[in-house]
Amino acid sequence: LGQDVEALLVGIKRPPRRVQPPRVFSAAEIEQLLTVGTAGDPLARVFLMTVFGCGLRLSEATHVQISDIDGPRLQLRVSHPKGGRERITLLSPVLLQELRAWYRVYRPEQWLFSQGPNQDPIHKSTAQSIFYRSLRRSGLKKKLGIHSLRHSFATLLLENGVEITVVQKLLGHAYLATTARYLHVRQERLGQIKSPLGLLNLPRR
């Protein structure tokens, strides 16, 4: 009977699987994470600022090289991307200032974030520990991972009017549909959105 049922279902379209939008931090929560959460920990501060400020995947952030930083153009070259496709992303003046301060003190040779006597790129597990320690210290109750910083980067750009195709390039997505996952409205912003009816000049009754 089971085989008969399967045969009957051949060719019948199943309803699409619902894709949940990525969970993100608000701008205020990011600020709390980067200030309260990283207080007294310069590595945590500059590393998490880089992940969020450039919209990087974890493996991309751990493999940022000194030569990837283009200060005059305020750009960061992602030289170790997923899929092997290099890209250029944003480098804010605030982050550039932090990176220069980091370099003056710690003088990394090749990798911006390195560890061990051979100055190897910082390990993923170390980076994860940095994030979770900072999240715990920040007092934020959201149970999110470090990749949520990249999600938050994309969501905040879109919420501030940046075109989705631009965000796609910054994130290094091959398909626009992947970036479209971020086209959702956070619950706390619903109260700030005005109905288009309010744009009409209708007579009052």
N, C-alpha and C. Protein backbone atom coordinates (compact mmCIF):
# COMPACT_ATOMS: atom_id res chain seq x y z
N LEU A 1 0.83 -1.22 0.00
CA LEU A 1 0.00 0.00 0.00
C LEU A 1 0.86 1.27 0.00
N GLY A 2 1.96 1.21 0.76
CA GLY A 2 2.84 2.37 0.82
C GLY A 2 3.38 2.73 -0.55
N GLN A 3 3.78 1.72 -1.33
CA GLN A 3 4.29 1.98 -2.67
C GLN A 3 3.21 2.56 -3.56
N ASP A 4 1.95 2.08 -3.42
CA ASP A 4 0.84 2.59 -4.23
C ASP A 4 0.61 4.08 -3.94
N VAL A 5 0.69 4.46 -2.68
CA VAL A 5 0.50 5.86 -2.30
C VAL A 5 1.60 6.73 -2.89
N GLU A 6 2.84 6.24 -2.81
CA GLU A 6 3.96 7.00 -3.37
C GLU A 6 3.78 7.19 -4.87
N ALA A 7 3.29 6.14 -5.54
CA ALA A 7 3.07 6.24 -6.98
C ALA A 7 2.02 7.29 -7.30
N LEU A 8 0.99 7.36 -6.47
CA LEU A 8 -0.06 8.35 -6.70
C LEU A 8 0.44 9.78 -6.51
N LEU A 9 1.45 9.94 -5.65
CA LEU A 9 1.95 11.28 -5.34
C LEU A 9 2.95 11.80 -6.37
N VAL A 10 3.43 10.91 -7.25
CA VAL A 10 4.39 11.32 -8.27
C VAL A 10 3.76 12.39 -9.15
N GLY A 11 4.46 13.48 -9.33
CA GLY A 11 3.97 14.56 -10.18
C GLY A 11 3.11 15.59 -9.47
N ILE A 12 2.73 15.30 -8.22
CA ILE A 12 1.93 16.25 -7.46
C ILE A 12 2.87 17.20 -6.71
N LYS A 13 2.69 18.49 -6.91
CA LYS A 13 3.55 19.47 -6.26
C LYS A 13 3.22 19.57 -4.78
N ARG A 14 4.24 19.42 -3.98
CA ARG A 14 4.07 19.60 -2.54
C ARG A 14 4.19 21.08 -2.19
N PRO A 15 3.55 21.52 -1.12
CA PRO A 15 3.68 22.93 -0.73
C PRO A 15 5.13 23.25 -0.39
N PRO A 16 5.60 24.44 -0.78
CA PRO A 16 7.00 24.78 -0.51
C PRO A 16 7.29 24.83 0.98
N ARG A 17 8.49 24.39 1.32
CA ARG A 17 8.90 24.42 2.72
C ARG A 17 9.09 25.87 3.16
N ARG A 18 8.50 26.21 4.27
CA ARG A 18 8.57 27.59 4.75
C ARG A 18 9.97 27.89 5.27
N VAL A 19 10.58 28.94 4.73
CA VAL A 19 11.91 29.34 5.15
C VAL A 19 11.79 30.45 6.18
N GLN A 20 12.28 30.20 7.38
CA GLN A 20 12.22 31.20 8.43
C GLN A 20 13.26 32.29 8.17
N PRO A 21 12.91 33.55 8.34
CA PRO A 21 13.91 34.62 8.17
C PRO A 21 14.99 34.50 9.24
N PRO A 22 16.22 34.89 8.92
CA PRO A 22 17.30 34.80 9.90
C PRO A 22 17.00 35.66 11.13
N ARG A 23 17.37 35.17 12.28
CA ARG A 23 17.21 35.95 13.51
C ARG A 23 18.39 36.89 13.65
N VAL A 24 18.08 38.12 14.04
CA VAL A 24 19.12 39.15 14.04
C VAL A 24 19.10 39.96 15.34
N PHE A 25 20.19 40.72 15.51
CA PHE A 25 20.27 41.71 16.58
C PHE A 25 19.77 43.05 16.04
N SER A 26 19.19 43.86 16.90
CA SER A 26 18.88 45.24 16.53
C SER A 26 20.16 46.07 16.63
N ALA A 27 20.11 47.29 16.11
CA ALA A 27 21.28 48.17 16.19
C ALA A 27 21.66 48.44 17.64
N ALA A 28 20.66 48.63 18.50
CA ALA A 28 20.93 48.88 19.92
C ALA A 28 21.59 47.68 20.58
N GLU A 29 21.17 46.48 20.20
CA GLU A 29 21.76 45.27 20.77
C GLU A 29 23.19 45.07 20.28
N ILE A 30 23.45 45.40 19.03
CA ILE A 30 24.82 45.33 18.51
C ILE A 30 25.72 46.28 19.29
N GLU A 31 25.21 47.47 19.53
CA GLU A 31 25.97 48.47 20.30
C GLU A 31 26.27 47.95 21.70
N GLN A 32 25.30 47.33 22.34
CA GLN A 32 25.50 46.78 23.68
C GLN A 32 26.52 45.65 23.66
N LEU A 33 26.46 44.81 22.63
CA LEU A 33 27.42 43.71 22.50
C LEU A 33 28.84 44.23 22.34
N LEU A 34 29.01 45.27 21.52
CA LEU A 34 30.34 45.77 21.19
C LEU A 34 30.92 46.69 22.26
N THR A 35 30.09 47.17 23.17
CA THR A 35 30.59 48.04 24.23
C THR A 35 30.65 47.30 25.56
N VAL A 36 29.50 46.94 26.08
CA VAL A 36 29.44 46.22 27.36
C VAL A 36 30.08 44.84 27.24
N GLY A 37 29.75 44.13 26.17
CA GLY A 37 30.21 42.75 26.02
C GLY A 37 31.69 42.59 25.82
N THR A 38 32.34 43.61 25.22
CA THR A 38 33.77 43.49 24.92
C THR A 38 34.63 44.39 25.80
N ALA A 39 34.04 44.97 26.84
CA ALA A 39 34.78 45.89 27.71
C ALA A 39 36.03 45.20 28.28
N GLY A 40 37.17 45.84 28.13
CA GLY A 40 38.42 45.29 28.64
C GLY A 40 39.00 44.17 27.81
N ASP A 41 38.43 43.91 26.64
CA ASP A 41 38.91 42.82 25.77
C ASP A 41 39.09 43.37 24.36
N PRO A 42 40.26 43.95 24.07
CA PRO A 42 40.47 44.59 22.77
C PRO A 42 40.34 43.64 21.58
N LEU A 43 40.74 42.38 21.74
CA LEU A 43 40.60 41.42 20.64
C LEU A 43 39.14 41.19 20.32
N ALA A 44 38.32 40.99 21.36
CA ALA A 44 36.89 40.76 21.14
C ALA A 44 36.26 41.96 20.45
N ARG A 45 36.61 43.14 20.88
CA ARG A 45 36.02 44.36 20.32
C ARG A 45 36.32 44.48 18.83
N VAL A 46 37.61 44.42 18.48
CA VAL A 46 37.97 44.65 17.08
C VAL A 46 37.55 43.48 16.18
N PHE A 47 37.59 42.26 16.71
CA PHE A 47 37.19 41.10 15.90
C PHE A 47 35.70 41.13 15.60
N LEU A 48 34.87 41.35 16.62
CA LEU A 48 33.43 41.36 16.41
C LEU A 48 32.99 42.57 15.60
N MET A 49 33.69 43.69 15.76
CA MET A 49 33.40 44.86 14.92
C MET A 49 33.68 44.55 13.46
N THR A 50 34.72 43.77 13.20
CA THR A 50 35.07 43.40 11.83
C THR A 50 34.04 42.46 11.24
N VAL A 51 33.63 41.46 12.01
CA VAL A 51 32.61 40.51 11.54
C VAL A 51 31.33 41.25 11.17
N PHE A 52 30.86 42.10 12.10
CA PHE A 52 29.61 42.82 11.86
C PHE A 52 29.77 43.91 10.81
N GLY A 53 30.78 44.75 10.98
CA GLY A 53 30.94 45.92 10.12
C GLY A 53 31.21 45.60 8.67
N CYS A 54 31.74 44.40 8.40
CA CYS A 54 32.04 44.00 7.02
C CYS A 54 31.11 42.91 6.51
N GLY A 55 30.23 42.41 7.38
CA GLY A 55 29.29 41.37 6.96
C GLY A 55 29.96 40.07 6.59
N LEU A 56 30.93 39.64 7.40
CA LEU A 56 31.75 38.48 7.06
C LEU A 56 31.21 37.18 7.64
N ARG A 57 31.47 36.11 6.91
CA ARG A 57 31.30 34.77 7.46
C ARG A 57 32.45 34.53 8.45
N LEU A 58 32.27 33.55 9.33
CA LEU A 58 33.29 33.29 10.35
C LEU A 58 34.64 32.97 9.71
N SER A 59 34.65 32.07 8.72
CA SER A 59 35.91 31.67 8.09
C SER A 59 36.56 32.83 7.35
N GLU A 60 35.76 33.77 6.87
CA GLU A 60 36.31 34.95 6.19
C GLU A 60 36.96 35.89 7.19
N ALA A 61 36.33 36.05 8.35
CA ALA A 61 36.86 36.95 9.37
C ALA A 61 38.16 36.43 9.97
N THR A 62 38.27 35.13 10.13
CA THR A 62 39.49 34.57 10.71
C THR A 62 40.66 34.61 9.73
N HIS A 63 40.39 34.86 8.45
CA HIS A 63 41.44 34.86 7.44
C HIS A 63 41.62 36.22 6.78
N VAL A 64 41.29 37.29 7.49
CA VAL A 64 41.56 38.63 6.97
C VAL A 64 43.06 38.89 7.04
N GLN A 65 43.63 39.32 5.93
CA GLN A 65 45.06 39.64 5.87
C GLN A 65 45.26 41.15 5.94
N ILE A 66 46.43 41.56 6.40
CA ILE A 66 46.75 42.98 6.45
C ILE A 66 46.61 43.61 5.07
N SER A 67 47.03 42.87 4.05
CA SER A 67 46.99 43.39 2.67
C SER A 67 45.57 43.53 2.14
N ASP A 68 44.58 42.97 2.84
CA ASP A 68 43.18 43.07 2.39
C ASP A 68 42.57 44.44 2.71
N ILE A 69 43.20 45.18 3.59
CA ILE A 69 42.64 46.45 4.06
C ILE A 69 43.04 47.57 3.11
N ASP A 70 42.06 48.25 2.55
CA ASP A 70 42.28 49.40 1.67
C ASP A 70 41.73 50.63 2.37
N GLY A 71 42.59 51.24 3.18
CA GLY A 71 42.17 52.39 3.97
C GLY A 71 41.70 53.58 3.15
N PRO A 72 42.47 54.02 2.13
CA PRO A 72 42.05 55.19 1.35
C PRO A 72 40.67 55.04 0.71
N ARG A 73 40.34 53.83 0.26
CA ARG A 73 39.04 53.60 -0.38
C ARG A 73 37.96 53.14 0.61
N LEU A 74 38.36 52.92 1.86
CA LEU A 74 37.43 52.40 2.87
C LEU A 74 36.77 51.11 2.39
N GLN A 75 37.63 50.18 1.98
CA GLN A 75 37.16 48.89 1.48
C GLN A 75 37.97 47.76 2.11
N LEU A 76 37.34 46.59 2.19
CA LEU A 76 38.03 45.39 2.65
C LEU A 76 37.87 44.31 1.58
N ARG A 77 38.97 43.76 1.15
CA ARG A 77 38.93 42.67 0.18
C ARG A 77 38.75 41.36 0.94
N VAL A 78 37.74 40.61 0.59
CA VAL A 78 37.50 39.30 1.20
C VAL A 78 38.26 38.29 0.36
N SER A 79 39.46 37.94 0.83
CA SER A 79 40.38 37.14 0.02
C SER A 79 40.24 35.64 0.23
N HIS A 80 39.49 35.24 1.25
CA HIS A 80 39.26 33.81 1.51
C HIS A 80 37.76 33.55 1.65
N PRO A 81 37.00 33.80 0.58
CA PRO A 81 35.55 33.68 0.66
C PRO A 81 35.06 32.26 0.45
N LYS A 82 33.83 32.03 0.84
CA LYS A 82 33.16 30.77 0.55
C LYS A 82 32.96 30.66 -0.95
N GLY A 83 33.31 29.53 -1.52
CA GLY A 83 33.14 29.35 -2.96
C GLY A 83 34.28 29.89 -3.79
N GLY A 84 35.25 30.55 -3.15
CA GLY A 84 36.43 31.01 -3.87
C GLY A 84 36.25 32.28 -4.68
N ARG A 85 35.12 32.98 -4.53
CA ARG A 85 34.89 34.20 -5.30
C ARG A 85 35.23 35.41 -4.43
N GLU A 86 36.38 36.03 -4.71
CA GLU A 86 36.77 37.21 -3.95
C GLU A 86 35.76 38.33 -4.16
N ARG A 87 35.63 39.18 -3.15
CA ARG A 87 34.72 40.32 -3.27
C ARG A 87 35.26 41.48 -2.45
N ILE A 88 34.64 42.62 -2.64
CA ILE A 88 34.96 43.82 -1.88
C ILE A 88 33.76 44.16 -1.01
N THR A 89 34.04 44.49 0.24
CA THR A 89 32.95 44.89 1.14
C THR A 89 33.29 46.21 1.82
N LEU A 90 32.38 46.66 2.66
CA LEU A 90 32.51 47.96 3.31
C LEU A 90 33.57 47.95 4.41
N LEU A 91 34.20 49.11 4.61
CA LEU A 91 35.11 49.31 5.74
C LEU A 91 34.81 50.71 6.28
N SER A 92 34.11 50.77 7.39
CA SER A 92 33.70 52.07 7.92
C SER A 92 34.90 52.80 8.52
N PRO A 93 34.86 54.14 8.55
CA PRO A 93 35.95 54.90 9.18
C PRO A 93 36.16 54.51 10.64
N VAL A 94 35.08 54.20 11.35
CA VAL A 94 35.20 53.80 12.76
C VAL A 94 35.99 52.51 12.88
N LEU A 95 35.68 51.53 12.02
CA LEU A 95 36.39 50.26 12.06
C LEU A 95 37.84 50.44 11.62
N LEU A 96 38.08 51.26 10.61
CA LEU A 96 39.45 51.50 10.15
C LEU A 96 40.29 52.07 11.28
N GLN A 97 39.74 52.98 12.05
CA GLN A 97 40.44 53.55 13.20
C GLN A 97 40.77 52.47 14.23
N GLU A 98 39.81 51.58 14.49
CA GLU A 98 40.04 50.48 15.43
C GLU A 98 41.13 49.54 14.92
N LEU A 99 41.11 49.23 13.63
CA LEU A 99 42.10 48.32 13.05
C LEU A 99 43.50 48.93 13.10
N ARG A 100 43.60 50.22 12.85
CA ARG A 100 44.91 50.88 12.92
C ARG A 100 45.45 50.86 14.33
N ALA A 101 44.58 51.08 15.31
CA ALA A 101 45.00 51.03 16.72
C ALA A 101 45.45 49.61 17.09
N TRP A 102 44.71 48.62 16.60
CA TRP A 102 45.06 47.22 16.84
C TRP A 102 46.43 46.90 16.24
N TYR A 103 46.67 47.38 15.04
CA TYR A 103 47.95 47.10 14.36
C TYR A 103 49.12 47.76 15.09
N ARG A 104 48.92 48.98 15.55
CA ARG A 104 50.01 49.69 16.23
C ARG A 104 50.46 48.96 17.49
N VAL A 105 49.52 48.34 18.18
CA VAL A 105 49.85 47.66 19.44
C VAL A 105 50.38 46.25 19.21
N TYR A 106 49.73 45.48 18.33
CA TYR A 106 50.03 44.05 18.23
C TYR A 106 50.87 43.67 17.01
N ARG A 107 51.02 44.54 16.05
CA ARG A 107 51.89 44.34 14.89
C ARG A 107 51.74 42.96 14.24
N PRO A 108 50.54 42.57 13.84
CA PRO A 108 50.40 41.29 13.13
C PRO A 108 51.16 41.33 11.81
N GLU A 109 51.71 40.19 11.40
CA GLU A 109 52.55 40.16 10.20
C GLU A 109 51.75 39.92 8.92
N GLN A 110 50.97 38.85 8.88
CA GLN A 110 50.18 38.54 7.69
C GLN A 110 48.69 38.57 8.00
N TRP A 111 48.31 37.75 8.98
CA TRP A 111 46.90 37.64 9.34
C TRP A 111 46.55 38.70 10.37
N LEU A 112 45.44 39.39 10.17
CA LEU A 112 45.03 40.45 11.08
C LEU A 112 44.78 39.90 12.48
N PHE A 113 44.15 38.73 12.56
CA PHE A 113 43.87 38.07 13.84
C PHE A 113 44.61 36.73 13.84
N SER A 114 45.68 36.66 14.60
CA SER A 114 46.52 35.46 14.59
C SER A 114 46.74 34.94 16.00
N GLN A 115 47.26 33.73 16.08
CA GLN A 115 47.53 33.12 17.38
C GLN A 115 48.68 32.14 17.25
N GLY A 116 49.30 31.83 18.38
CA GLY A 116 50.38 30.84 18.41
C GLY A 116 51.71 31.41 17.96
N PRO A 117 52.78 30.65 18.21
CA PRO A 117 54.13 31.12 17.86
C PRO A 117 54.34 31.31 16.37
N ASN A 118 53.58 30.59 15.55
CA ASN A 118 53.73 30.71 14.10
C ASN A 118 52.81 31.76 13.49
N GLN A 119 52.09 32.48 14.34
CA GLN A 119 51.19 33.53 13.86
C GLN A 119 50.17 33.00 12.85
N ASP A 120 49.59 31.84 13.19
CA ASP A 120 48.57 31.25 12.32
C ASP A 120 47.27 32.04 12.47
N PRO A 121 46.37 31.93 11.46
CA PRO A 121 45.07 32.60 11.60
C PRO A 121 44.35 32.12 12.85
N ILE A 122 43.64 33.01 13.49
CA ILE A 122 42.89 32.64 14.69
C ILE A 122 41.94 31.49 14.37
N HIS A 123 41.86 30.51 15.25
CA HIS A 123 41.04 29.33 15.00
C HIS A 123 39.55 29.66 15.15
N LYS A 124 38.73 28.95 14.40
CA LYS A 124 37.28 29.18 14.46
C LYS A 124 36.74 29.00 15.87
N SER A 125 37.24 27.99 16.57
CA SER A 125 36.73 27.74 17.93
C SER A 125 37.08 28.90 18.86
N THR A 126 38.25 29.50 18.65
CA THR A 126 38.63 30.67 19.44
C THR A 126 37.70 31.83 19.15
N ALA A 127 37.39 32.02 17.87
CA ALA A 127 36.49 33.10 17.47
C ALA A 127 35.09 32.89 18.04
N GLN A 128 34.62 31.65 18.01
CA GLN A 128 33.31 31.35 18.59
C GLN A 128 33.29 31.66 20.09
N SER A 129 34.37 31.30 20.77
CA SER A 129 34.45 31.56 22.21
C SER A 129 34.43 33.05 22.50
N ILE A 130 35.10 33.83 21.65
CA ILE A 130 35.11 35.29 21.80
C ILE A 130 33.69 35.82 21.73
N PHE A 131 32.93 35.33 20.75
CA PHE A 131 31.56 35.82 20.57
C PHE A 131 30.68 35.45 21.77
N TYR A 132 30.69 34.18 22.15
CA TYR A 132 29.79 33.75 23.22
C TYR A 132 30.15 34.37 24.56
N ARG A 133 31.44 34.58 24.80
CA ARG A 133 31.85 35.25 26.03
C ARG A 133 31.35 36.70 26.04
N SER A 134 31.48 37.37 24.92
CA SER A 134 31.02 38.76 24.82
C SER A 134 29.51 38.85 24.93
N LEU A 135 28.81 37.89 24.32
CA LEU A 135 27.35 37.88 24.40
C LEU A 135 26.89 37.70 25.85
N ARG A 136 27.56 36.81 26.56
CA ARG A 136 27.21 36.56 27.97
C ARG A 136 27.48 37.82 28.82
N ARG A 137 28.61 38.46 28.58
CA ARG A 137 28.95 39.65 29.35
C ARG A 137 28.05 40.84 29.04
N SER A 138 27.51 40.85 27.84
CA SER A 138 26.68 41.98 27.42
C SER A 138 25.34 42.02 28.16
N GLY A 139 24.90 40.86 28.64
CA GLY A 139 23.60 40.78 29.31
C GLY A 139 22.44 40.55 28.36
N LEU A 140 22.73 40.46 27.07
CA LEU A 140 21.66 40.18 26.10
C LEU A 140 21.16 38.75 26.27
N LYS A 141 19.87 38.56 26.16
CA LYS A 141 19.28 37.25 26.40
C LYS A 141 19.05 36.45 25.12
N LYS A 142 19.30 37.03 23.97
CA LYS A 142 19.09 36.32 22.72
C LYS A 142 20.09 35.17 22.58
N LYS A 143 19.59 34.02 22.18
CA LYS A 143 20.45 32.86 21.98
C LYS A 143 20.78 32.75 20.49
N LEU A 144 21.74 33.56 20.07
CA LEU A 144 22.15 33.61 18.67
C LEU A 144 23.62 33.27 18.55
N GLY A 145 24.04 32.88 17.34
CA GLY A 145 25.43 32.56 17.08
C GLY A 145 26.14 33.71 16.40
N ILE A 146 27.43 33.54 16.18
CA ILE A 146 28.24 34.61 15.60
C ILE A 146 27.79 34.96 14.19
N HIS A 147 27.20 34.00 13.46
CA HIS A 147 26.74 34.27 12.10
C HIS A 147 25.60 35.27 12.09
N SER A 148 24.94 35.45 13.24
CA SER A 148 23.85 36.42 13.32
C SER A 148 24.36 37.85 13.14
N LEU A 149 25.65 38.07 13.36
CA LEU A 149 26.22 39.40 13.11
C LEU A 149 26.18 39.72 11.62
N ARG A 150 26.47 38.72 10.79
CA ARG A 150 26.37 38.89 9.34
C ARG A 150 24.91 39.10 8.92
N HIS A 151 24.00 38.33 9.53
CA HIS A 151 22.58 38.52 9.26
C HIS A 151 22.14 39.94 9.63
N SER A 152 22.63 40.42 10.76
CA SER A 152 22.25 41.76 11.23
C SER A 152 22.80 42.84 10.30
N PHE A 153 24.01 42.65 9.81
CA PHE A 153 24.62 43.57 8.84
C PHE A 153 23.71 43.72 7.63
N ALA A 154 23.26 42.60 7.07
CA ALA A 154 22.41 42.62 5.88
C ALA A 154 21.06 43.25 6.17
N THR A 155 20.45 42.86 7.28
CA THR A 155 19.12 43.36 7.61
C THR A 155 19.12 44.86 7.84
N LEU A 156 20.12 45.36 8.57
CA LEU A 156 20.18 46.79 8.86
C LEU A 156 20.46 47.61 7.60
N LEU A 157 21.25 47.07 6.68
CA LEU A 157 21.47 47.77 5.41
C LEU A 157 20.16 47.90 4.64
N LEU A 158 19.42 46.80 4.54
CA LEU A 158 18.16 46.82 3.80
C LEU A 158 17.14 47.74 4.47
N GLU A 159 17.10 47.71 5.81
CA GLU A 159 16.16 48.58 6.53
C GLU A 159 16.48 50.05 6.34
N ASN A 160 17.74 50.35 6.01
CA ASN A 160 18.16 51.73 5.81
C ASN A 160 18.20 52.12 4.33
N GLY A 161 17.55 51.33 3.50
CA GLY A 161 17.33 51.73 2.12
C GLY A 161 18.38 51.32 1.11
N VAL A 162 19.36 50.51 1.50
CA VAL A 162 20.36 50.05 0.54
C VAL A 162 19.72 49.03 -0.40
N GLU A 163 19.98 49.16 -1.70
CA GLU A 163 19.38 48.26 -2.68
C GLU A 163 19.80 46.82 -2.43
N ILE A 164 18.87 45.91 -2.65
CA ILE A 164 19.14 44.50 -2.36
C ILE A 164 20.26 43.94 -3.23
N THR A 165 20.42 44.44 -4.45
CA THR A 165 21.50 43.96 -5.31
C THR A 165 22.87 44.39 -4.78
N VAL A 166 22.91 45.55 -4.13
CA VAL A 166 24.16 46.00 -3.51
C VAL A 166 24.49 45.12 -2.32
N VAL A 167 23.49 44.83 -1.49
CA VAL A 167 23.69 43.95 -0.34
C VAL A 167 24.13 42.57 -0.80
N GLN A 168 23.57 42.09 -1.89
CA GLN A 168 23.96 40.80 -2.45
C GLN A 168 25.45 40.77 -2.76
N LYS A 169 25.96 41.83 -3.38
CA LYS A 169 27.39 41.89 -3.72
C LYS A 169 28.26 41.97 -2.47
N LEU A 170 27.82 42.74 -1.49
CA LEU A 170 28.59 42.87 -0.26
C LEU A 170 28.68 41.54 0.49
N LEU A 171 27.62 40.76 0.44
CA LEU A 171 27.59 39.47 1.14
C LEU A 171 28.24 38.36 0.33
N GLY A 172 28.39 38.56 -0.98
CA GLY A 172 28.97 37.53 -1.83
C GLY A 172 28.01 36.42 -2.17
N HIS A 173 26.71 36.73 -2.21
CA HIS A 173 25.71 35.72 -2.58
C HIS A 173 25.67 35.53 -4.09
N ALA A 174 25.67 34.29 -4.52
CA ALA A 174 25.57 34.00 -5.95
C ALA A 174 24.16 34.26 -6.46
N TYR A 175 23.17 34.07 -5.60
CA TYR A 175 21.77 34.19 -6.02
C TYR A 175 21.06 35.25 -5.19
N LEU A 176 20.27 36.08 -5.88
CA LEU A 176 19.53 37.14 -5.21
C LEU A 176 18.52 36.57 -4.22
N ALA A 177 18.01 35.38 -4.51
CA ALA A 177 17.03 34.76 -3.62
C ALA A 177 17.61 34.52 -2.23
N THR A 178 18.91 34.27 -2.16
CA THR A 178 19.56 34.06 -0.86
C THR A 178 19.52 35.35 -0.05
N THR A 179 19.80 36.47 -0.70
CA THR A 179 19.78 37.76 -0.03
C THR A 179 18.36 38.16 0.36
N ALA A 180 17.39 37.72 -0.44
CA ALA A 180 15.99 38.09 -0.19
C ALA A 180 15.47 37.56 1.13
N ARG A 181 16.17 36.61 1.74
CA ARG A 181 15.76 36.11 3.06
C ARG A 181 15.74 37.22 4.10
N TYR A 182 16.54 38.26 3.85
CA TYR A 182 16.65 39.35 4.82
C TYR A 182 15.56 40.40 4.64
N LEU A 183 14.70 40.23 3.65
CA LEU A 183 13.63 41.19 3.42
C LEU A 183 12.45 40.89 4.34
N HIS A 184 12.69 40.99 5.61
CA HIS A 184 11.64 40.79 6.59
C HIS A 184 11.61 41.98 7.52
N VAL A 185 10.54 42.14 8.22
CA VAL A 185 10.40 43.27 9.14
C VAL A 185 10.50 42.76 10.57
N ARG A 186 11.42 43.32 11.31
CA ARG A 186 11.54 42.94 12.72
C ARG A 186 10.30 43.41 13.48
N GLN A 187 9.88 42.61 14.44
CA GLN A 187 8.64 42.88 15.18
C GLN A 187 8.64 44.26 15.82
N GLU A 188 9.80 44.68 16.35
CA GLU A 188 9.84 45.95 17.05
C GLU A 188 9.72 47.15 16.11
N ARG A 189 9.86 46.92 14.80
CA ARG A 189 9.75 48.03 13.85
C ARG A 189 8.34 48.20 13.33
N LEU A 190 7.45 47.26 13.61
CA LEU A 190 6.10 47.35 13.07
C LEU A 190 5.39 48.62 13.53
N GLY A 191 5.64 49.02 14.77
CA GLY A 191 4.99 50.22 15.29
C GLY A 191 5.50 51.50 14.67
N GLN A 192 6.64 51.44 13.96
CA GLN A 192 7.21 52.63 13.35
C GLN A 192 6.74 52.81 11.90
N ILE A 193 6.09 51.80 11.36
CA ILE A 193 5.69 51.84 9.95
C ILE A 193 4.31 52.48 9.82
N LYS A 194 4.20 53.43 8.91
CA LYS A 194 2.94 54.13 8.71
C LYS A 194 2.21 53.54 7.50
N SER A 195 0.90 53.48 7.59
CA SER A 195 0.09 52.98 6.48
C SER A 195 0.17 53.95 5.30
N PRO A 196 0.22 53.43 4.06
CA PRO A 196 0.23 54.32 2.89
C PRO A 196 -1.04 55.16 2.78
N LEU A 197 -2.09 54.78 3.50
CA LEU A 197 -3.30 55.58 3.49
C LEU A 197 -3.03 56.97 4.04
N GLY A 198 -2.07 57.04 4.97
CA GLY A 198 -1.73 58.33 5.56
C GLY A 198 -1.04 59.28 4.60
N LEU A 199 -0.58 58.76 3.46
CA LEU A 199 0.07 59.60 2.46
C LEU A 199 -0.94 60.34 1.58
N LEU A 200 -2.20 59.92 1.65
CA LEU A 200 -3.23 60.51 0.79
C LEU A 200 -3.84 61.74 1.44
N ASN A 201 -4.16 62.72 0.61
CA ASN A 201 -4.77 63.96 1.10
C ASN A 201 -6.28 63.83 1.02
N LEU A 202 -6.85 63.10 1.95
CA LEU A 202 -8.29 62.86 1.96
C LEU A 202 -8.99 63.88 2.85
N PRO A 203 -10.19 64.32 2.46
CA PRO A 203 -10.93 65.27 3.31
C PRO A 203 -11.33 64.62 4.62
N ARG A 204 -11.28 65.40 5.69
CA ARG A 204 -11.67 64.91 7.02
C ARG A 204 -13.19 64.92 7.15
N ARG A 205 -13.72 63.95 7.87
CA ARG A 205 -15.17 63.91 8.11
C ARG A 205 -15.45 64.37 9.54
